[in-house]
Protein backbone atom coordinates (compact mmCIF):
# COMPACT_ATOMS: atom_id res chain seq x y z
CA MET A 1 -64.32 157.84 118.36
CA GLY A 2 -65.74 159.83 115.39
CA ARG A 3 -64.68 163.37 114.70
CA SER A 4 -68.19 164.73 115.23
CA SER A 5 -68.24 163.37 118.78
CA TRP A 6 -65.30 165.49 119.99
CA ILE A 7 -65.22 168.51 117.66
CA PRO A 8 -68.08 170.97 118.13
CA LYS A 9 -70.16 171.96 115.15
CA ILE A 10 -69.12 175.29 113.62
CA GLY A 11 -72.07 177.50 112.90
CA ALA A 12 -72.39 179.51 109.73
CA GLY A 13 -70.66 182.85 109.84
CA LEU A 14 -67.37 184.62 109.35
CA VAL A 15 -64.28 183.28 111.07
CA VAL A 16 -61.25 185.55 111.40
CA LEU A 17 -57.98 183.68 111.02
CA SER A 18 -54.54 185.15 111.59
CA LEU A 19 -52.17 183.95 108.89
CA SER A 20 -49.42 183.72 111.48
CA SER A 21 -51.28 181.06 113.45
CA ILE A 22 -52.13 178.60 110.67
CA CYS A 23 -50.07 176.30 108.51
CA ALA A 24 -48.71 178.87 106.07
CA VAL A 25 -46.26 178.05 103.33
CA ASP A 26 -44.07 181.06 102.49
CA ALA A 27 -43.95 180.92 98.71
CA VAL A 28 -42.55 183.54 96.37
CA SER A 29 -44.65 184.84 93.54
CA ALA A 30 -43.60 183.94 90.01
CA GLU A 31 -43.31 187.66 89.28
CA THR A 32 -40.43 188.06 91.77
CA ASP A 33 -37.45 189.86 90.21
CA THR A 34 -34.32 188.20 91.55
CA LYS A 35 -31.48 190.62 92.24
CA ASN A 36 -27.77 189.87 92.35
CA VAL A 37 -26.14 192.18 94.88
CA ASP A 38 -22.87 192.16 96.84
CA ILE A 39 -22.75 194.37 99.95
CA VAL A 40 -19.73 195.04 102.14
CA ILE A 41 -20.78 196.37 105.55
CA LEU A 42 -18.06 198.55 107.08
CA VAL A 43 -18.65 198.80 110.82
CA ASP A 44 -16.85 201.50 112.81
CA GLU A 45 -15.22 200.21 116.00
CA SER A 46 -13.32 203.44 116.81
CA THR A 47 -13.29 205.18 120.17
CA SER A 48 -15.31 208.12 118.84
CA LEU A 49 -18.25 205.76 119.31
CA SER A 50 -19.40 204.43 122.67
CA THR A 51 -19.75 200.76 123.56
CA GLU A 52 -23.53 201.24 123.31
CA ASP A 53 -23.16 202.74 119.82
CA VAL A 54 -21.16 199.71 118.64
CA ALA A 55 -23.82 197.42 120.14
CA LYS A 56 -26.42 199.30 118.08
CA GLU A 57 -24.28 198.77 114.98
CA ARG A 58 -24.33 195.02 115.65
CA GLU A 59 -28.10 195.19 116.06
CA ALA A 60 -28.47 197.04 112.77
CA ILE A 61 -26.37 194.45 110.93
CA SER A 62 -28.43 191.67 112.49
CA ASN A 63 -31.65 193.33 111.30
CA ILE A 64 -30.25 193.77 107.80
CA ILE A 65 -28.95 190.24 107.22
CA ASP A 66 -32.08 188.67 108.72
CA LEU A 67 -34.56 190.37 106.38
CA PRO A 68 -36.81 187.53 105.09
CA THR A 69 -36.97 189.10 101.63
CA LEU A 70 -33.21 188.88 101.16
CA LYS A 71 -33.28 185.11 101.52
CA ASP A 72 -35.31 185.04 98.28
CA GLN A 73 -32.63 186.96 96.36
CA VAL A 74 -29.04 186.26 95.38
CA ILE A 75 -27.45 188.65 97.86
CA ARG A 76 -24.03 188.25 99.48
CA VAL A 77 -22.72 190.22 102.44
CA GLN A 78 -19.28 190.68 103.98
CA VAL A 79 -18.74 192.45 107.30
CA LEU A 80 -15.52 194.45 107.74
CA PRO A 81 -14.94 195.97 111.20
CA PHE A 82 -12.55 198.93 111.08
CA SER A 83 -10.91 201.63 113.15
CA SER A 84 -7.36 202.67 112.17
CA GLY A 85 -3.77 201.48 112.11
CA PRO A 86 -2.09 198.58 110.28
CA GLN A 87 -4.56 196.00 111.63
CA SER A 88 -7.59 197.84 110.25
CA PRO A 89 -9.89 196.80 108.75
CA ARG A 90 -10.05 193.40 110.43
CA LEU A 91 -10.45 190.64 107.83
CA LEU A 92 -12.30 188.01 109.85
CA PRO A 93 -12.86 184.59 108.20
CA ALA A 94 -16.26 184.30 109.91
CA CYS A 95 -17.31 187.59 108.26
CA ASP A 96 -16.24 186.80 104.68
CA LEU A 97 -18.59 187.28 101.74
CA THR A 98 -21.56 185.04 102.52
CA LYS A 99 -24.78 184.33 100.65
CA LEU A 100 -27.80 185.39 102.68
CA ASP A 101 -29.65 182.10 102.64
CA ILE A 102 -30.80 180.54 105.92
CA ALA A 103 -27.46 178.87 106.58
CA GLY A 104 -25.51 182.01 105.70
CA VAL A 105 -27.58 184.22 107.99
CA ASP A 106 -27.15 181.77 110.88
CA PHE A 107 -23.39 181.62 110.29
CA LEU A 108 -22.93 185.41 110.23
CA SER A 109 -25.18 185.86 113.25
CA GLN A 110 -23.45 183.24 115.39
CA LYS A 111 -19.83 183.50 114.24
CA CYS A 112 -19.28 187.00 112.83
CA LEU A 113 -21.36 189.50 114.78
CA PRO A 114 -20.06 188.51 118.25
CA GLN A 115 -16.55 189.50 117.09
CA ILE A 116 -17.50 193.15 116.54
CA ARG A 117 -16.33 195.27 119.48
CA ARG A 118 -15.27 198.80 120.28
CA GLU A 119 -11.53 199.37 120.18
CA ARG A 120 -9.63 200.72 123.16
CA LYS A 121 -7.31 203.55 122.26
CA ASP A 122 -4.65 202.35 124.72
CA SER A 123 -4.84 198.74 123.51
CA ASP A 124 -2.60 199.25 120.49
CA PRO A 125 0.34 201.68 120.35
CA LEU A 126 0.18 201.62 116.53
CA GLY A 127 -2.98 203.67 116.38
CA ALA A 128 -6.04 201.43 116.72
CA GLY A 129 -9.04 203.32 118.00
CA ASN A 130 -9.05 206.19 115.50
CA THR A 131 -11.24 206.35 112.37
CA ASP A 132 -9.76 205.63 108.95
CA PHE A 133 -12.49 205.35 106.31
CA ALA A 134 -10.06 205.51 103.44
CA SER A 135 -8.30 202.21 104.16
CA ALA A 136 -11.62 200.56 105.06
CA ILE A 137 -13.33 201.57 101.81
CA TYR A 138 -10.18 200.71 99.84
CA THR A 139 -10.24 197.17 101.27
CA ALA A 140 -13.98 196.87 100.60
CA LEU A 141 -13.40 197.85 96.95
CA ASN A 142 -10.74 195.14 96.67
CA VAL A 143 -13.21 192.57 98.03
CA LEU A 144 -15.91 193.61 95.57
CA SER A 145 -13.44 193.70 92.67
CA GLU A 146 -12.09 190.21 93.37
CA GLU A 147 -15.40 188.50 94.14
CA ASN A 148 -17.88 190.31 91.94
CA GLY A 149 -19.13 188.65 88.77
CA SER A 150 -20.53 190.49 85.79
CA GLY A 151 -23.98 191.95 86.23
CA ARG A 152 -23.89 192.09 90.03
CA ARG A 153 -24.77 195.32 91.83
CA LYS A 154 -22.11 196.46 94.32
CA ALA A 155 -22.55 198.56 97.44
CA ILE A 156 -20.73 199.57 100.60
CA LEU A 157 -22.84 200.15 103.70
CA LEU A 158 -20.82 202.42 106.00
CA LEU A 159 -21.80 202.31 109.69
CA THR A 160 -20.04 205.20 111.46
CA ASP A 161 -20.33 208.63 113.04
CA GLY A 162 -18.71 210.16 109.95
CA ARG A 163 -15.62 211.64 111.58
CA PHE A 164 -12.59 210.90 109.37
CA ASP A 165 -9.64 210.93 111.79
CA PRO A 166 -6.91 208.43 110.81
CA VAL A 167 -4.33 209.37 113.46
CA GLY A 168 -6.54 210.81 116.17
CA ASN A 169 -5.52 214.46 116.01
CA GLY A 170 -8.85 215.66 114.62
CA ASP A 171 -7.17 217.21 111.56
CA PRO A 172 -6.47 214.85 108.63
CA SER A 173 -3.44 215.81 106.58
CA VAL A 174 -3.53 216.86 102.94
CA ALA A 175 -2.07 213.48 101.94
CA GLU A 176 -4.73 211.61 103.98
CA ASN A 177 -7.55 213.62 102.40
CA ASP A 178 -6.07 213.18 98.92
CA PHE A 179 -5.91 209.41 99.37
CA PHE A 180 -9.49 209.36 100.64
CA ASN A 181 -10.68 211.29 97.58
CA LEU A 182 -8.83 208.86 95.30
CA VAL A 183 -10.59 205.95 97.01
CA LEU A 184 -14.00 207.60 96.56
CA SER A 185 -13.19 208.26 92.89
CA ARG A 186 -12.33 204.59 92.48
CA ALA A 187 -15.70 203.64 93.99
CA LYS A 188 -17.44 205.80 91.39
CA LYS A 189 -15.36 204.36 88.53
CA GLU A 190 -16.00 200.76 89.63
CA LYS A 191 -19.74 201.44 90.10
CA VAL A 192 -19.79 200.86 93.85
CA GLN A 193 -22.44 202.77 95.77
CA ILE A 194 -21.69 204.10 99.28
CA TRP A 195 -24.60 204.18 101.72
CA PRO A 196 -23.71 205.71 105.13
CA LEU A 197 -25.65 204.96 108.30
CA GLY A 198 -24.83 207.34 111.15
CA PHE A 199 -24.38 206.22 114.76
CA GLY A 200 -23.59 208.13 117.94
CA ASN A 201 -24.63 211.52 119.31
CA LYS A 202 -22.17 213.52 117.17
CA VAL A 203 -22.89 212.30 113.64
CA ASP A 204 -21.19 214.42 110.98
CA LEU A 205 -24.09 214.47 108.53
CA PRO A 206 -22.46 216.80 105.93
CA ALA A 207 -19.50 214.39 105.78
CA LEU A 208 -21.81 211.39 105.30
CA ILE A 209 -23.61 213.22 102.49
CA GLU A 210 -20.25 213.88 100.82
CA TYR A 211 -19.23 210.21 101.00
CA ALA A 212 -22.55 209.09 99.52
CA THR A 213 -22.45 211.56 96.62
CA LYS A 214 -18.83 210.88 95.66
CA GLY A 215 -19.43 207.17 95.06
CA TYR A 216 -21.39 205.61 92.20
CA GLN A 217 -24.89 207.09 91.95
CA GLY A 218 -26.60 204.03 90.47
CA GLU A 219 -29.08 203.57 87.66
CA ALA A 220 -31.45 206.36 86.65
CA ASN A 221 -34.56 204.52 87.85
CA CYS A 222 -33.12 203.59 91.29
CA PRO A 223 -32.72 205.65 94.49
CA ARG A 224 -29.46 207.57 94.73
CA PRO A 225 -27.17 206.83 97.68
CA ARG A 226 -27.89 208.97 100.73
CA PRO A 227 -27.13 208.80 104.45
CA TRP A 228 -29.52 207.81 107.22
CA ILE A 229 -29.25 208.49 110.94
CA ALA A 230 -29.78 205.41 113.11
CA GLN A 231 -32.46 205.78 115.79
CA PRO A 232 -32.68 203.01 118.43
CA ASP A 233 -36.46 202.62 118.10
CA THR A 234 -36.49 202.45 114.29
CA LEU A 235 -33.52 200.20 113.46
CA GLY A 236 -35.79 197.38 112.25
CA THR A 237 -37.80 199.55 109.87
CA LEU A 238 -34.66 201.38 108.74
CA ALA A 239 -33.13 198.07 107.64
CA TYR A 240 -36.04 197.52 105.25
CA THR A 241 -35.77 201.08 103.91
CA MET A 242 -32.02 201.02 103.32
CA ILE A 243 -31.79 197.56 101.77
CA GLY A 244 -34.80 198.31 99.58
CA ALA A 245 -32.94 201.36 98.27
CA ILE A 246 -29.60 199.55 97.87
CA THR A 247 -31.15 196.65 95.96
CA CYS A 248 -33.53 198.94 94.03
CA THR A 249 -36.56 196.95 95.16
CA ASP A 250 -39.65 197.79 97.16
CA ILE A 251 -39.30 195.94 100.47
CA PRO A 252 -42.32 196.60 102.70
CA PRO A 253 -41.60 197.16 106.40
CA PRO A 254 -42.77 194.59 108.93
CA GLY A 255 -46.35 194.96 110.10
CA PRO A 256 -49.03 193.05 111.98
CA PRO A 257 -49.99 189.63 110.59
CA PRO A 258 -52.66 189.98 107.90
CA VAL A 259 -56.11 188.50 108.49
CA ARG A 260 -58.27 186.52 106.13
CA LEU A 261 -62.06 186.24 106.40
CA LEU A 262 -63.45 182.81 105.57
CA PHE A 263 -67.07 181.70 105.29
CA ILE A 264 -67.70 178.36 107.02
CA HIS A 265 -70.73 176.37 105.83
CA LEU A 266 -73.29 175.00 108.34
CA SER A 267 -72.60 171.38 107.40
CA ILE A 268 -68.84 171.49 108.18
CA ASP A 269 -67.89 169.72 111.40
CA PHE A 270 -64.12 169.46 110.85
CA LEU A 271 -61.77 172.05 109.43
CA SER A 272 -58.23 171.35 108.22
CA LEU A 273 -56.63 174.41 106.75
CA CYS A 274 -53.25 175.13 105.20
CA LEU A 275 -52.86 178.31 103.21
CA THR A 276 -50.15 179.33 100.79
CA VAL A 277 -49.06 182.91 101.20
CA LEU A 278 -47.85 184.58 98.03
CA ARG A 279 -45.43 187.40 98.61
CA SER A 280 -44.80 189.47 95.50
CA ARG A 281 -42.50 192.35 94.69
CA PRO A 282 -42.44 194.60 91.69
């Protein structure tokens, strides 16, 4: 049976095609500037956050690691859940520094993220459930120092409510604050940026601003570290904004599929179409 006998003739005119519904090859423009970035995501599991807040932290991490743009760059991520006590932060093999290619994203999504959970204050007599940023950032700096090659950008993404409370009494000691300040000074010296992302209904924004400004401030032509407040309905867009700032690239937020207008000639009775989509970044 000939093609013309079962495919109707297409009249002349404009046909609107959604690029999401045709055979599109996702190719990267030759002008793409590949970035080398290592990011340690510190995720607060303390009892100052609710179970729902911790679930939102997992969602935010999922949005971040699954950004399509990151799979085109040389970016590695490690997830470090923390609270307080001698077992914090939790060094989980499934959450170790992982390249964000397709396999790496799948591995972190399936093996690492399900292990993030809110601590119970009564589950550990040694103090789990409180909030100790100092030891968490200290461990993150060790990871970045050991694994980071020359020329790689380094950043810590701190997911928390911002309340530094290592022993749960709401009043850190002079020694605890001094150690925390030493850790932040080390971050600045080792050129590690700190980007806080606030969760919960009692985010200590002034504290998050302080943490961001005491770390490394980055290159002159790149955004300076600053905190964001997580909103449930904007987590997806926020992931694009934050990672674009951390990597010093312009990552456009997700939007509706673009459309392409094509002129179809009167004589065409069969159309086979496969378009290559070029995605470019400055």
